[in-house]
Every structure is written in structure tokens, then in C-alpha cells.
Amino acid sequence: MIIAGMEEGLQVGDVVTPLAGGPEMTVQARSQDLAYCAWLVEGRLQQGTFAIAGLRRIRSSGPAARTPREPPSH
């Protein structure tokens, strides 16, 4: 399934996976239609460039996805 508007919504820090299957990857950088991603395999860093249209977002790096921090106690 290709999510409409994915090209506009994909951000650095988002966790994605290839539509054809594969590891969960973190978007490190992006251009208009490409995402530069990194992931770990057996503790070793792997990197690659993927067409954004071929990726599915698993988790967003946006403000709604962040866990709120608790205020400091006094």
C-alpha cells in the first residue's frame, strides 16, 4: 500500500520499511524523491538510498510521536 502524500510527510528521523519487505530503517536525510536510510544488522551499521515511493512509514519523528517529558520535581 502506498500512502498518498508520503513524499511530503516523510521526515528525517522517521522509521520506515521497504514496501517489498525488509528491515526497519531510520531516515537520515532526504531529497525530493529519495531517502537516505540507516539500520543495524547483527550490530553492524548498514546504509542505503531508497525511492520514497517504495517506503512505508512505521513511526513518525514528529512532535506527536515524541514522549512528553515530565517536568522537573522541586
N, C-alpha and C. Protein backbone atom coordinates (compact mmCIF):
# COMPACT_ATOMS: atom_id res chain seq x y z
N MET A 1 0.84 -1.18 0.00
CA MET A 1 0.00 0.00 0.00
C MET A 1 0.89 1.24 0.00
N ILE A 2 0.68 2.13 -0.93
CA ILE A 2 1.42 3.38 -0.96
C ILE A 2 0.53 4.45 -0.33
N ILE A 3 1.08 5.15 0.65
CA ILE A 3 0.31 6.16 1.36
C ILE A 3 0.38 7.46 0.58
N ALA A 4 -0.78 8.00 0.21
CA ALA A 4 -0.83 9.25 -0.52
C ALA A 4 -0.20 10.36 0.30
N GLY A 5 0.61 11.17 -0.33
CA GLY A 5 1.23 12.29 0.37
C GLY A 5 2.48 11.91 1.14
N MET A 6 2.93 10.65 1.03
CA MET A 6 4.11 10.21 1.76
C MET A 6 5.32 11.07 1.42
N GLU A 7 5.44 11.49 0.18
CA GLU A 7 6.59 12.29 -0.23
C GLU A 7 6.68 13.58 0.56
N GLU A 8 5.55 14.20 0.86
CA GLU A 8 5.56 15.45 1.61
C GLU A 8 5.74 15.22 3.10
N GLY A 9 5.29 14.06 3.61
CA GLY A 9 5.26 13.84 5.04
C GLY A 9 6.48 13.15 5.61
N LEU A 10 7.27 12.47 4.82
CA LEU A 10 8.42 11.74 5.33
C LEU A 10 9.47 12.72 5.83
N GLN A 11 9.94 12.50 7.08
CA GLN A 11 10.89 13.42 7.70
C GLN A 11 12.11 12.66 8.19
N VAL A 12 13.20 13.38 8.35
CA VAL A 12 14.40 12.82 8.96
C VAL A 12 14.02 12.34 10.36
N GLY A 13 14.44 11.14 10.70
CA GLY A 13 14.12 10.56 11.99
C GLY A 13 12.96 9.57 11.94
N ASP A 14 12.15 9.61 10.88
CA ASP A 14 11.06 8.65 10.75
C ASP A 14 11.63 7.24 10.59
N VAL A 15 10.90 6.25 11.09
CA VAL A 15 11.27 4.85 10.91
C VAL A 15 10.40 4.31 9.78
N VAL A 16 11.05 3.70 8.79
CA VAL A 16 10.37 3.21 7.59
C VAL A 16 10.79 1.78 7.31
N THR A 17 10.05 1.14 6.42
CA THR A 17 10.41 -0.18 5.92
C THR A 17 10.09 -0.20 4.43
N PRO A 18 10.85 -0.94 3.63
CA PRO A 18 10.52 -1.04 2.20
C PRO A 18 9.16 -1.72 2.01
N LEU A 19 8.40 -1.25 1.03
CA LEU A 19 7.11 -1.86 0.74
C LEU A 19 7.26 -3.34 0.38
N ALA A 20 8.37 -3.70 -0.24
CA ALA A 20 8.61 -5.08 -0.65
C ALA A 20 9.07 -5.95 0.51
N GLY A 21 9.24 -5.35 1.69
CA GLY A 21 9.71 -6.09 2.85
C GLY A 21 11.17 -5.79 3.13
N GLY A 22 11.53 -5.90 4.37
CA GLY A 22 12.92 -5.63 4.75
C GLY A 22 12.97 -5.08 6.16
N PRO A 23 14.15 -4.63 6.57
CA PRO A 23 14.35 -4.17 7.94
C PRO A 23 13.71 -2.82 8.20
N GLU A 24 13.48 -2.53 9.49
CA GLU A 24 13.08 -1.18 9.87
C GLU A 24 14.31 -0.30 9.78
N MET A 25 14.16 0.86 9.15
CA MET A 25 15.28 1.76 8.90
C MET A 25 14.92 3.16 9.37
N THR A 26 15.92 3.93 9.75
CA THR A 26 15.71 5.32 10.15
C THR A 26 16.15 6.24 9.03
N VAL A 27 15.29 7.20 8.66
CA VAL A 27 15.62 8.16 7.62
C VAL A 27 16.66 9.14 8.17
N GLN A 28 17.82 9.18 7.53
CA GLN A 28 18.92 10.05 7.95
C GLN A 28 18.91 11.38 7.19
N ALA A 29 18.47 11.34 5.95
CA ALA A 29 18.39 12.54 5.10
C ALA A 29 17.42 12.21 3.97
N ARG A 30 16.93 13.24 3.29
CA ARG A 30 16.05 13.01 2.15
C ARG A 30 16.17 14.12 1.14
N SER A 31 15.86 13.78 -0.09
CA SER A 31 15.78 14.77 -1.15
C SER A 31 14.34 14.74 -1.65
N GLN A 32 14.10 15.29 -2.80
CA GLN A 32 12.73 15.37 -3.28
C GLN A 32 12.06 14.00 -3.37
N ASP A 33 12.75 12.98 -3.89
CA ASP A 33 12.11 11.68 -4.04
C ASP A 33 12.97 10.51 -3.54
N LEU A 34 14.05 10.81 -2.81
CA LEU A 34 14.92 9.77 -2.27
C LEU A 34 15.10 9.94 -0.77
N ALA A 35 15.23 8.81 -0.07
CA ALA A 35 15.52 8.84 1.36
C ALA A 35 16.81 8.07 1.60
N TYR A 36 17.72 8.65 2.36
CA TYR A 36 18.96 8.01 2.76
C TYR A 36 18.70 7.42 4.14
N CYS A 37 18.78 6.09 4.25
CA CYS A 37 18.38 5.39 5.47
C CYS A 37 19.53 4.61 6.08
N ALA A 38 19.42 4.36 7.38
CA ALA A 38 20.40 3.55 8.10
C ALA A 38 19.66 2.55 8.97
N TRP A 39 20.27 1.36 9.16
CA TRP A 39 19.70 0.33 10.01
C TRP A 39 20.83 -0.56 10.50
N LEU A 40 20.54 -1.38 11.48
CA LEU A 40 21.54 -2.29 12.04
C LEU A 40 21.22 -3.73 11.66
N VAL A 41 22.27 -4.49 11.32
CA VAL A 41 22.17 -5.92 11.07
C VAL A 41 23.26 -6.58 11.91
N GLU A 42 22.84 -7.36 12.88
CA GLU A 42 23.78 -8.04 13.79
C GLU A 42 24.79 -7.04 14.38
N GLY A 43 24.29 -5.88 14.77
CA GLY A 43 25.11 -4.86 15.41
C GLY A 43 25.98 -4.05 14.46
N ARG A 44 25.86 -4.27 13.16
CA ARG A 44 26.66 -3.53 12.18
C ARG A 44 25.77 -2.54 11.44
N LEU A 45 26.27 -1.32 11.30
CA LEU A 45 25.53 -0.26 10.62
C LEU A 45 25.48 -0.51 9.12
N GLN A 46 24.28 -0.45 8.58
CA GLN A 46 24.06 -0.56 7.13
C GLN A 46 23.42 0.74 6.67
N GLN A 47 23.68 1.14 5.45
CA GLN A 47 23.11 2.39 4.91
C GLN A 47 22.73 2.18 3.45
N GLY A 48 21.72 2.92 3.02
CA GLY A 48 21.31 2.84 1.62
C GLY A 48 20.37 3.97 1.25
N THR A 49 20.19 4.13 -0.05
CA THR A 49 19.30 5.17 -0.58
C THR A 49 18.12 4.48 -1.25
N PHE A 50 16.91 4.96 -0.94
CA PHE A 50 15.69 4.33 -1.42
C PHE A 50 14.74 5.38 -1.99
N ALA A 51 13.95 4.97 -2.99
CA ALA A 51 12.89 5.83 -3.51
C ALA A 51 11.83 5.96 -2.42
N ILE A 52 11.43 7.19 -2.12
CA ILE A 52 10.43 7.43 -1.07
C ILE A 52 9.12 6.71 -1.39
N ALA A 53 8.76 6.63 -2.66
CA ALA A 53 7.52 5.97 -3.05
C ALA A 53 7.53 4.48 -2.72
N GLY A 54 8.71 3.90 -2.48
CA GLY A 54 8.82 2.49 -2.17
C GLY A 54 8.95 2.21 -0.68
N LEU A 55 8.69 3.22 0.16
CA LEU A 55 8.82 3.07 1.60
C LEU A 55 7.48 3.22 2.31
N ARG A 56 7.36 2.55 3.44
CA ARG A 56 6.17 2.69 4.29
C ARG A 56 6.64 3.16 5.66
N ARG A 57 6.03 4.24 6.16
CA ARG A 57 6.40 4.77 7.47
C ARG A 57 5.83 3.88 8.57
N ILE A 58 6.68 3.52 9.54
CA ILE A 58 6.28 2.73 10.70
C ILE A 58 6.00 3.66 11.88
N ARG A 59 6.92 4.59 12.11
CA ARG A 59 6.79 5.57 13.19
C ARG A 59 7.27 6.92 12.70
N SER A 60 6.61 7.95 13.15
CA SER A 60 6.96 9.32 12.78
C SER A 60 7.89 9.92 13.81
N SER A 61 8.73 10.85 13.36
CA SER A 61 9.61 11.58 14.28
C SER A 61 8.98 12.90 14.70
N GLY A 62 7.75 13.15 14.25
CA GLY A 62 7.07 14.41 14.54
C GLY A 62 6.75 14.59 16.01
N PRO A 63 6.31 15.78 16.40
CA PRO A 63 6.01 16.08 17.81
C PRO A 63 5.01 15.12 18.44
N ALA A 64 4.02 14.66 17.69
CA ALA A 64 3.00 13.77 18.24
C ALA A 64 3.59 12.41 18.60
N ALA A 65 4.70 12.03 17.97
CA ALA A 65 5.30 10.73 18.23
C ALA A 65 6.27 10.75 19.41
N ARG A 66 6.64 11.91 19.85
CA ARG A 66 7.60 12.02 20.94
C ARG A 66 6.91 11.85 22.28
N THR A 67 7.60 11.21 23.19
CA THR A 67 7.07 11.03 24.54
C THR A 67 7.27 12.33 25.30
N PRO A 68 6.22 12.87 25.90
CA PRO A 68 6.37 14.12 26.63
C PRO A 68 7.29 13.93 27.83
N ARG A 69 8.09 14.91 28.09
CA ARG A 69 8.97 14.86 29.25
C ARG A 69 8.22 15.35 30.47
N GLU A 70 8.52 14.70 31.58
CA GLU A 70 7.90 15.12 32.82
C GLU A 70 8.62 16.37 33.34
N PRO A 71 7.86 17.29 33.92
CA PRO A 71 8.50 18.49 34.46
C PRO A 71 9.43 18.11 35.61
N PRO A 72 10.50 18.88 35.81
CA PRO A 72 11.41 18.58 36.91
C PRO A 72 10.71 18.71 38.24
N SER A 73 11.05 17.84 39.20
CA SER A 73 10.45 17.94 40.53
C SER A 73 11.23 18.96 41.35
N HIS A 74 10.53 19.64 42.23
CA HIS A 74 11.18 20.67 43.05
C HIS A 74 11.42 20.20 44.44
